[in-house]
Structure formats: structure tokens, C-alpha cells
Amino acid sequence: MSTTSPATTTISVSGMTCGHCVSAVTEEIEALAGVEAVKVDLNAGGISTVTITSSGDLSPQDLGEAVAEAGYLMVANEA
């Protein structure tokens, strides 16, 4: 029986100011294949940190598009 450990990806997102922003970004990222959990550390009006746990590596392009779909901008990707 083989088990794979979850991958963790941390990104920075600008433009989020409230709980609704957090919900929008979380919903879009959770829709990506393999995403198991999303945790947002909101820094209202600044750069917020989003930590994503997934079953495999996530494409920075896919993450950026998901954040953009929610109406925000991914400004950094730290694998």
C-alpha cells in the first residue's frame, strides 16, 4: 500500500480586504483538481498569504488563473 504525502503550496495575493474576499479566493482554488485544503491569512489591504494543501503539485498558472477568476492578483508563488 503506497501513500503519497500532501503537497503544500504558499502564494501571496493582493487586493483582499474582507471575509468575502477570502471566501471567493478559497472557492476558486478549491475548485482546482487535487486541492484538499485552503487556508488564507488575510492582511486587509495588503498582501495576504494563501496556503494550499493538495494531493500533487499545482501549476502556478492554474493558481494565478483561479485567483484572477475571484478578482484578485497572485503576486508571488513560493513552492
PDB file of N, CA and C in Angstrom:
ATOM      1  N   MET A   1       0.848  -1.190   0.000  1.00  0.00           N
ATOM      2  CA  MET A   1       0.000   0.000   0.000  1.00  0.00           C
ATOM      3  C   MET A   1       0.883   1.239   0.000  1.00  0.00           C
ATOM      4  N   SER A   2       0.744   2.056  -0.992  1.00  0.00           N
ATOM      5  CA  SER A   2       1.561   3.266  -1.056  1.00  0.00           C
ATOM      6  C   SER A   2       0.717   4.487  -0.683  1.00  0.00           C
ATOM      7  N   THR A   3       1.364   5.376   0.011  1.00  0.00           N
ATOM      8  CA  THR A   3       0.690   6.625   0.372  1.00  0.00           C
ATOM      9  C   THR A   3       1.545   7.771  -0.120  1.00  0.00           C
ATOM     10  N   THR A   4       0.884   8.788  -0.583  1.00  0.00           N
ATOM     11  CA  THR A   4       1.603   9.978  -1.011  1.00  0.00           C
ATOM     12  C   THR A   4       1.315  11.083  -0.014  1.00  0.00           C
ATOM     13  N   SER A   5       2.363  11.776   0.363  1.00  0.00           N
ATOM     14  CA  SER A   5       2.152  12.863   1.311  1.00  0.00           C
ATOM     15  C   SER A   5       1.646  14.084   0.541  1.00  0.00           C
ATOM     16  N   PRO A   6       0.781  14.840   1.185  1.00  0.00           N
ATOM     17  CA  PRO A   6       0.221  16.019   0.518  1.00  0.00           C
ATOM     18  C   PRO A   6       1.302  17.059   0.201  1.00  0.00           C
ATOM     19  N   ALA A   7       1.096  17.783  -0.866  1.00  0.00           N
ATOM     20  CA  ALA A   7       1.976  18.888  -1.234  1.00  0.00           C
ATOM     21  C   ALA A   7       1.399  20.172  -0.640  1.00  0.00           C
ATOM     22  N   THR A   8       2.284  21.066  -0.200  1.00  0.00           N
ATOM     23  CA  THR A   8       1.847  22.357   0.316  1.00  0.00           C
ATOM     24  C   THR A   8       2.434  23.451  -0.562  1.00  0.00           C
ATOM     25  N   THR A   9       1.575  24.354  -1.005  1.00  0.00           N
ATOM     26  CA  THR A   9       1.980  25.484  -1.829  1.00  0.00           C
ATOM     27  C   THR A   9       1.533  26.761  -1.138  1.00  0.00           C
ATOM     28  N   THR A  10       2.431  27.746  -1.096  1.00  0.00           N
ATOM     29  CA  THR A  10       2.091  29.033  -0.493  1.00  0.00           C
ATOM     30  C   THR A  10       2.180  30.114  -1.567  1.00  0.00           C
ATOM     31  N   ILE A  11       1.115  30.905  -1.663  1.00  0.00           N
ATOM     32  CA  ILE A  11       1.111  32.012  -2.615  1.00  0.00           C
ATOM     33  C   ILE A  11       0.750  33.298  -1.883  1.00  0.00           C
ATOM     34  N   SER A  12       1.077  34.411  -2.489  1.00  0.00           N
ATOM     35  CA  SER A  12       0.695  35.722  -1.958  1.00  0.00           C
ATOM     36  C   SER A  12      -0.305  36.352  -2.906  1.00  0.00           C
ATOM     37  N   VAL A  13      -1.339  36.945  -2.310  1.00  0.00           N
ATOM     38  CA  VAL A  13      -2.419  37.520  -3.104  1.00  0.00           C
ATOM     39  C   VAL A  13      -2.662  38.952  -2.640  1.00  0.00           C
ATOM     40  N   SER A  14      -2.778  39.867  -3.584  1.00  0.00           N
ATOM     41  CA  SER A  14      -3.057  41.259  -3.228  1.00  0.00           C
ATOM     42  C   SER A  14      -4.502  41.598  -3.531  1.00  0.00           C
ATOM     43  N   GLY A  15      -5.035  42.562  -2.781  1.00  0.00           N
ATOM     44  CA  GLY A  15      -6.362  43.091  -3.063  1.00  0.00           C
ATOM     45  C   GLY A  15      -7.468  42.594  -2.165  1.00  0.00           C
ATOM     46  N   MET A  16      -7.208  41.582  -1.352  1.00  0.00           N
ATOM     47  CA  MET A  16      -8.273  41.067  -0.483  1.00  0.00           C
ATOM     48  C   MET A  16      -8.407  41.965   0.750  1.00  0.00           C
ATOM     49  N   THR A  17      -9.667  42.273   1.114  1.00  0.00           N
ATOM     50  CA  THR A  17      -9.885  43.182   2.237  1.00  0.00           C
ATOM     51  C   THR A  17     -10.842  42.656   3.302  1.00  0.00           C
ATOM     52  N   CYS A  18     -11.544  41.534   3.012  1.00  0.00           N
ATOM     53  CA  CYS A  18     -12.579  41.095   3.964  1.00  0.00           C
ATOM     54  C   CYS A  18     -12.837  39.600   3.838  1.00  0.00           C
ATOM     55  N   GLY A  19     -13.751  39.116   4.662  1.00  0.00           N
ATOM     56  CA  GLY A  19     -14.114  37.713   4.647  1.00  0.00           C
ATOM     57  C   GLY A  19     -14.692  37.254   3.322  1.00  0.00           C
ATOM     58  N   HIS A  20     -15.428  38.132   2.652  1.00  0.00           N
ATOM     59  CA  HIS A  20     -15.978  37.769   1.340  1.00  0.00           C
ATOM     60  C   HIS A  20     -14.857  37.513   0.350  1.00  0.00           C
ATOM     61  N   CYS A  21     -13.817  38.325   0.402  1.00  0.00           N
ATOM     62  CA  CYS A  21     -12.660  38.140  -0.475  1.00  0.00           C
ATOM     63  C   CYS A  21     -12.027  36.773  -0.221  1.00  0.00           C
ATOM     64  N   VAL A  22     -11.861  36.448   1.058  1.00  0.00           N
ATOM     65  CA  VAL A  22     -11.289  35.153   1.443  1.00  0.00           C
ATOM     66  C   VAL A  22     -12.141  34.016   0.889  1.00  0.00           C
ATOM     67  N   SER A  23     -13.465  34.131   1.029  1.00  0.00           N
ATOM     68  CA  SER A  23     -14.381  33.094   0.535  1.00  0.00           C
ATOM     69  C   SER A  23     -14.268  32.936  -0.975  1.00  0.00           C
ATOM     70  N   ALA A  24     -14.197  34.044  -1.694  1.00  0.00           N
ATOM     71  CA  ALA A  24     -14.123  33.998  -3.156  1.00  0.00           C
ATOM     72  C   ALA A  24     -12.850  33.299  -3.616  1.00  0.00           C
ATOM     73  N   VAL A  25     -11.719  33.675  -3.035  1.00  0.00           N
ATOM     74  CA  VAL A  25     -10.437  33.074  -3.413  1.00  0.00           C
ATOM     75  C   VAL A  25     -10.414  31.591  -3.021  1.00  0.00           C
ATOM     76  N   THR A  26     -10.883  31.287  -1.813  1.00  0.00           N
ATOM     77  CA  THR A  26     -10.913  29.896  -1.348  1.00  0.00           C
ATOM     78  C   THR A  26     -11.747  29.023  -2.275  1.00  0.00           C
ATOM     79  N   GLU A  27     -12.925  29.511  -2.656  1.00  0.00           N
ATOM     80  CA  GLU A  27     -13.825  28.747  -3.526  1.00  0.00           C
ATOM     81  C   GLU A  27     -13.178  28.442  -4.873  1.00  0.00           C
ATOM     82  N   GLU A  28     -12.522  29.435  -5.468  1.00  0.00           N
ATOM     83  CA  GLU A  28     -11.897  29.229  -6.784  1.00  0.00           C
ATOM     84  C   GLU A  28     -10.723  28.256  -6.697  1.00  0.00           C
ATOM     85  N   ILE A  29      -9.910  28.371  -5.655  1.00  0.00           N
ATOM     86  CA  ILE A  29      -8.760  27.473  -5.527  1.00  0.00           C
ATOM     87  C   ILE A  29      -9.223  26.053  -5.210  1.00  0.00           C
ATOM     88  N   GLU A  30     -10.252  25.918  -4.359  1.00  0.00           N
ATOM     89  CA  GLU A  30     -10.759  24.583  -4.023  1.00  0.00           C
ATOM     90  C   GLU A  30     -11.318  23.866  -5.251  1.00  0.00           C
ATOM     91  N   ALA A  31     -11.694  24.600  -6.288  1.00  0.00           N
ATOM     92  CA  ALA A  31     -12.232  24.000  -7.499  1.00  0.00           C
ATOM     93  C   ALA A  31     -11.145  23.345  -8.356  1.00  0.00           C
ATOM     94  N   LEU A  32      -9.866  23.631  -8.068  1.00  0.00           N
ATOM     95  CA  LEU A  32      -8.776  23.026  -8.833  1.00  0.00           C
ATOM     96  C   LEU A  32      -8.628  21.553  -8.458  1.00  0.00           C
ATOM     97  N   ALA A  33      -8.286  20.729  -9.438  1.00  0.00           N
ATOM     98  CA  ALA A  33      -8.124  19.292  -9.201  1.00  0.00           C
ATOM     99  C   ALA A  33      -7.011  19.028  -8.192  1.00  0.00           C
ATOM    100  N   GLY A  34      -7.304  18.174  -7.224  1.00  0.00           N
ATOM    101  CA  GLY A  34      -6.297  17.766  -6.245  1.00  0.00           C
ATOM    102  C   GLY A  34      -6.219  18.609  -4.993  1.00  0.00           C
ATOM    103  N   VAL A  35      -6.891  19.750  -4.970  1.00  0.00           N
ATOM    104  CA  VAL A  35      -6.817  20.620  -3.800  1.00  0.00           C
ATOM    105  C   VAL A  35      -7.616  20.000  -2.659  1.00  0.00           C
ATOM    106  N   GLU A  36      -6.967  19.881  -1.499  1.00  0.00           N
ATOM    107  CA  GLU A  36      -7.593  19.281  -0.327  1.00  0.00           C
ATOM    108  C   GLU A  36      -7.984  20.317   0.720  1.00  0.00           C
ATOM    109  N   ALA A  37      -7.196  21.389   0.840  1.00  0.00           N
ATOM    110  CA  ALA A  37      -7.487  22.413   1.851  1.00  0.00           C
ATOM    111  C   ALA A  37      -6.878  23.742   1.422  1.00  0.00           C
ATOM    112  N   VAL A  38      -7.547  24.824   1.821  1.00  0.00           N
ATOM    113  CA  VAL A  38      -7.059  26.177   1.540  1.00  0.00           C
ATOM    114  C   VAL A  38      -7.145  26.966   2.843  1.00  0.00           C
ATOM    115  N   LYS A  39      -6.039  27.613   3.220  1.00  0.00           N
ATOM    116  CA  LYS A  39      -6.022  28.452   4.425  1.00  0.00           C
ATOM    117  C   LYS A  39      -5.529  29.832   4.019  1.00  0.00           C
ATOM    118  N   VAL A  40      -6.318  30.857   4.353  1.00  0.00           N
ATOM    119  CA  VAL A  40      -5.976  32.226   3.991  1.00  0.00           C
ATOM    120  C   VAL A  40      -5.667  33.023   5.249  1.00  0.00           C
ATOM    121  N   ASP A  41      -4.495  33.661   5.274  1.00  0.00           N
ATOM    122  CA  ASP A  41      -4.150  34.608   6.334  1.00  0.00           C
ATOM    123  C   ASP A  41      -4.366  36.001   5.753  1.00  0.00           C
ATOM    124  N   LEU A  42      -5.522  36.573   6.072  1.00  0.00           N
ATOM    125  CA  LEU A  42      -5.919  37.860   5.494  1.00  0.00           C
ATOM    126  C   LEU A  42      -5.103  39.003   6.075  1.00  0.00           C
ATOM    127  N   ASN A  43      -4.543  39.824   5.184  1.00  0.00           N
ATOM    128  CA  ASN A  43      -3.880  41.064   5.547  1.00  0.00           C
ATOM    129  C   ASN A  43      -4.633  42.141   4.773  1.00  0.00           C
ATOM    130  N   ALA A  44      -5.710  42.644   5.384  1.00  0.00           N
ATOM    131  CA  ALA A  44      -6.627  43.551   4.689  1.00  0.00           C
ATOM    132  C   ALA A  44      -5.898  44.723   4.051  1.00  0.00           C
ATOM    133  N   GLY A  45      -6.067  44.859   2.754  1.00  0.00           N
ATOM    134  CA  GLY A  45      -5.470  45.961   2.018  1.00  0.00           C
ATOM    135  C   GLY A  45      -4.017  45.751   1.667  1.00  0.00           C
ATOM    136  N   GLY A  46      -3.431  44.647   2.126  1.00  0.00           N
ATOM    137  CA  GLY A  46      -2.027  44.370   1.822  1.00  0.00           C
ATOM    138  C   GLY A  46      -1.891  43.064   1.072  1.00  0.00           C
ATOM    139  N   ILE A  47      -0.821  42.356   1.347  1.00  0.00           N
ATOM    140  CA  ILE A  47      -0.563  41.073   0.704  1.00  0.00           C
ATOM    141  C   ILE A  47      -0.990  39.963   1.668  1.00  0.00           C
ATOM    142  N   SER A  48      -1.948  39.164   1.253  1.00  0.00           N
ATOM    143  CA  SER A  48      -2.437  38.050   2.064  1.00  0.00           C
ATOM    144  C   SER A  48      -1.716  36.771   1.647  1.00  0.00           C
ATOM    145  N   THR A  49      -1.506  35.883   2.621  1.00  0.00           N
ATOM    146  CA  THR A  49      -0.842  34.610   2.359  1.00  0.00           C
ATOM    147  C   THR A  49      -1.891  33.512   2.260  1.00  0.00           C
ATOM    148  N   VAL A  50      -1.794  32.723   1.198  1.00  0.00           N
ATOM    149  CA  VAL A  50      -2.717  31.613   0.981  1.00  0.00           C
ATOM    150  C   VAL A  50      -1.893  30.329   0.949  1.00  0.00           C
ATOM    151  N   THR A  51      -2.246  29.393   1.831  1.00  0.00           N
ATOM    152  CA  THR A  51      -1.568  28.099   1.889  1.00  0.00           C
ATOM    153  C   THR A  51      -2.520  27.030   1.378  1.00  0.00           C
ATOM    154  N   ILE A  52      -2.064  26.279   0.390  1.00  0.00           N
ATOM    155  CA  ILE A  52      -2.898  25.273  -0.257  1.00  0.00           C
ATOM    156  C   ILE A  52      -2.281  23.897  -0.033  1.00  0.00           C
ATOM    157  N   THR A  53      -3.088  22.964   0.448  1.00  0.00           N
ATOM    158  CA  THR A  53      -2.668  21.573   0.573  1.00  0.00           C
ATOM    159  C   THR A  53      -3.342  20.794  -0.548  1.00  0.00           C
ATOM    160  N   SER A  54      -2.537  20.021  -1.276  1.00  0.00           N
ATOM    161  CA  SER A  54      -3.079  19.290  -2.419  1.00  0.00           C
ATOM    162  C   SER A  54      -2.440  17.913  -2.518  1.00  0.00           C
ATOM    163  N   SER A  55      -3.057  17.065  -3.316  1.00  0.00           N
ATOM    164  CA  SER A  55      -2.554  15.708  -3.493  1.00  0.00           C
ATOM    165  C   SER A  55      -1.356  15.655  -4.439  1.00  0.00           C
ATOM    166  N   GLY A  56      -1.058  16.744  -5.086  1.00  0.00           N
ATOM    167  CA  GLY A  56       0.084  16.816  -6.003  1.00  0.00           C
ATOM    168  C   GLY A  56       0.464  18.258  -6.243  1.00  0.00           C
ATOM    169  N   ASP A  57       1.490  18.442  -7.072  1.00  0.00           N
ATOM    170  CA  ASP A  57       1.930  19.799  -7.372  1.00  0.00           C
ATOM    171  C   ASP A  57       0.861  20.539  -8.175  1.00  0.00           C
ATOM    172  N   LEU A  58       0.732  21.828  -7.880  1.00  0.00           N
ATOM    173  CA  LEU A  58      -0.219  22.679  -8.594  1.00  0.00           C
ATOM    174  C   LEU A  58       0.544  23.621  -9.509  1.00  0.00           C
ATOM    175  N   SER A  59      -0.003  23.853 -10.671  1.00  0.00           N
ATOM    176  CA  SER A  59       0.617  24.758 -11.628  1.00  0.00           C
ATOM    177  C   SER A  59       0.450  26.202 -11.171  1.00  0.00           C
ATOM    178  N   PRO A  60       1.547  26.968 -11.150  1.00  0.00           N
ATOM    179  CA  PRO A  60       1.426  28.394 -10.806  1.00  0.00           C
ATOM    180  C   PRO A  60       0.438  29.114 -11.721  1.00  0.00           C
ATOM    181  N   GLN A  61       0.384  28.704 -12.996  1.00  0.00           N
ATOM    182  CA  GLN A  61      -0.557  29.314 -13.939  1.00  0.00           C
ATOM    183  C   GLN A  61      -1.992  29.031 -13.520  1.00  0.00           C
ATOM    184  N   ASP A  62      -2.282  27.772 -13.134  1.00  0.00           N
ATOM    185  CA  ASP A  62      -3.635  27.426 -12.695  1.00  0.00           C
ATOM    186  C   ASP A  62      -4.018  28.201 -11.442  1.00  0.00           C
ATOM    187  N   LEU A  63      -3.082  28.319 -10.513  1.00  0.00           N
ATOM    188  CA  LEU A  63      -3.353  29.079  -9.283  1.00  0.00           C
ATOM    189  C   LEU A  63      -3.607  30.542  -9.600  1.00  0.00           C
ATOM    190  N   GLY A  64      -2.773  31.119 -10.456  1.00  0.00           N
ATOM    191  CA  GLY A  64      -2.940  32.520 -10.838  1.00  0.00           C
ATOM    192  C   GLY A  64      -4.274  32.775 -11.504  1.00  0.00           C
ATOM    193  N   GLU A  65      -4.689  31.837 -12.368  1.00  0.00           N
ATOM    194  CA  GLU A  65      -5.974  31.981 -13.053  1.00  0.00           C
ATOM    195  C   GLU A  65      -7.138  31.853 -12.068  1.00  0.00           C
ATOM    196  N   ALA A  66      -7.024  30.957 -11.089  1.00  0.00           N
ATOM    197  CA  ALA A  66      -8.085  30.791 -10.094  1.00  0.00           C
ATOM    198  C   ALA A  66      -8.226  32.054  -9.254  1.00  0.00           C
ATOM    199  N   VAL A  67      -7.101  32.629  -8.850  1.00  0.00           N
ATOM    200  CA  VAL A  67      -7.120  33.867  -8.056  1.00  0.00           C
ATOM    201  C   VAL A  67      -7.696  35.005  -8.889  1.00  0.00           C
ATOM    202  N   ALA A  68      -7.293  35.083 -10.160  1.00  0.00           N
ATOM    203  CA  ALA A  68      -7.808  36.132 -11.051  1.00  0.00           C
ATOM    204  C   ALA A  68      -9.310  35.975 -11.264  1.00  0.00           C
ATOM    205  N   GLU A  69      -9.792  34.730 -11.360  1.00  0.00           N
ATOM    206  CA  GLU A  69     -11.220  34.474 -11.539  1.00  0.00           C
ATOM    207  C   GLU A  69     -12.006  35.023 -10.346  1.00  0.00           C
ATOM    208  N   ALA A  70     -11.385  34.993  -9.166  1.00  0.00           N
ATOM    209  CA  ALA A  70     -12.034  35.531  -7.965  1.00  0.00           C
ATOM    210  C   ALA A  70     -11.933  37.059  -7.921  1.00  0.00           C
ATOM    211  N   GLY A  71     -11.102  37.643  -8.796  1.00  0.00           N
ATOM    212  CA  GLY A  71     -10.992  39.095  -8.874  1.00  0.00           C
ATOM    213  C   GLY A  71      -9.779  39.682  -8.179  1.00  0.00           C
ATOM    214  N   TYR A  72      -8.765  38.843  -7.934  1.00  0.00           N
ATOM    215  CA  TYR A  72      -7.580  39.311  -7.212  1.00  0.00           C
ATOM    216  C   TYR A  72      -6.325  38.951  -7.994  1.00  0.00           C
ATOM    217  N   LEU A  73      -5.165  39.317  -7.469  1.00  0.00           N
ATOM    218  CA  LEU A  73      -3.908  39.137  -8.183  1.00  0.00           C
ATOM    219  C   LEU A  73      -2.926  38.338  -7.349  1.00  0.00           C
ATOM    220  N   MET A  74      -2.443  37.225  -7.905  1.00  0.00           N
ATOM    221  CA  MET A  74      -1.390  36.461  -7.250  1.00  0.00           C
ATOM    222  C   MET A  74      -0.071  37.184  -7.528  1.00  0.00           C
ATOM    223  N   VAL A  75       0.633  37.582  -6.480  1.00  0.00           N
ATOM    224  CA  VAL A  75       1.840  38.372  -6.662  1.00  0.00           C
ATOM    225  C   VAL A  75       3.115  37.581  -6.429  1.00  0.00           C
ATOM    226  N   ALA A  76       3.029  36.399  -5.822  1.00  0.00           N
ATOM    227  CA  ALA A  76       4.224  35.589  -5.611  1.00  0.00           C
ATOM    228  C   ALA A  76       3.819  34.146  -5.429  1.00  0.00           C
ATOM    229  N   ASN A  77       4.711  33.262  -5.820  1.00  0.00           N
ATOM    230  CA  ASN A  77       4.476  31.841  -5.631  1.00  0.00           C
ATOM    231  C   ASN A  77       5.716  31.250  -4.978  1.00  0.00           C
ATOM    232  N   GLU A  78       5.557  30.742  -3.786  1.00  0.00           N
ATOM    233  CA  GLU A  78       6.672  30.116  -3.068  1.00  0.00           C
ATOM    234  C   GLU A  78       6.340  28.655  -2.884  1.00  0.00           C
ATOM    235  N   ALA A  79       6.970  27.808  -3.669  1.00  0.00           N
ATOM    236  CA  ALA A  79       6.650  26.359  -3.633  1.00  0.00           C
ATOM    237  C   ALA A  79       7.037  25.752  -2.298  1.00  0.00           C
TER     238      ALA A  79
END
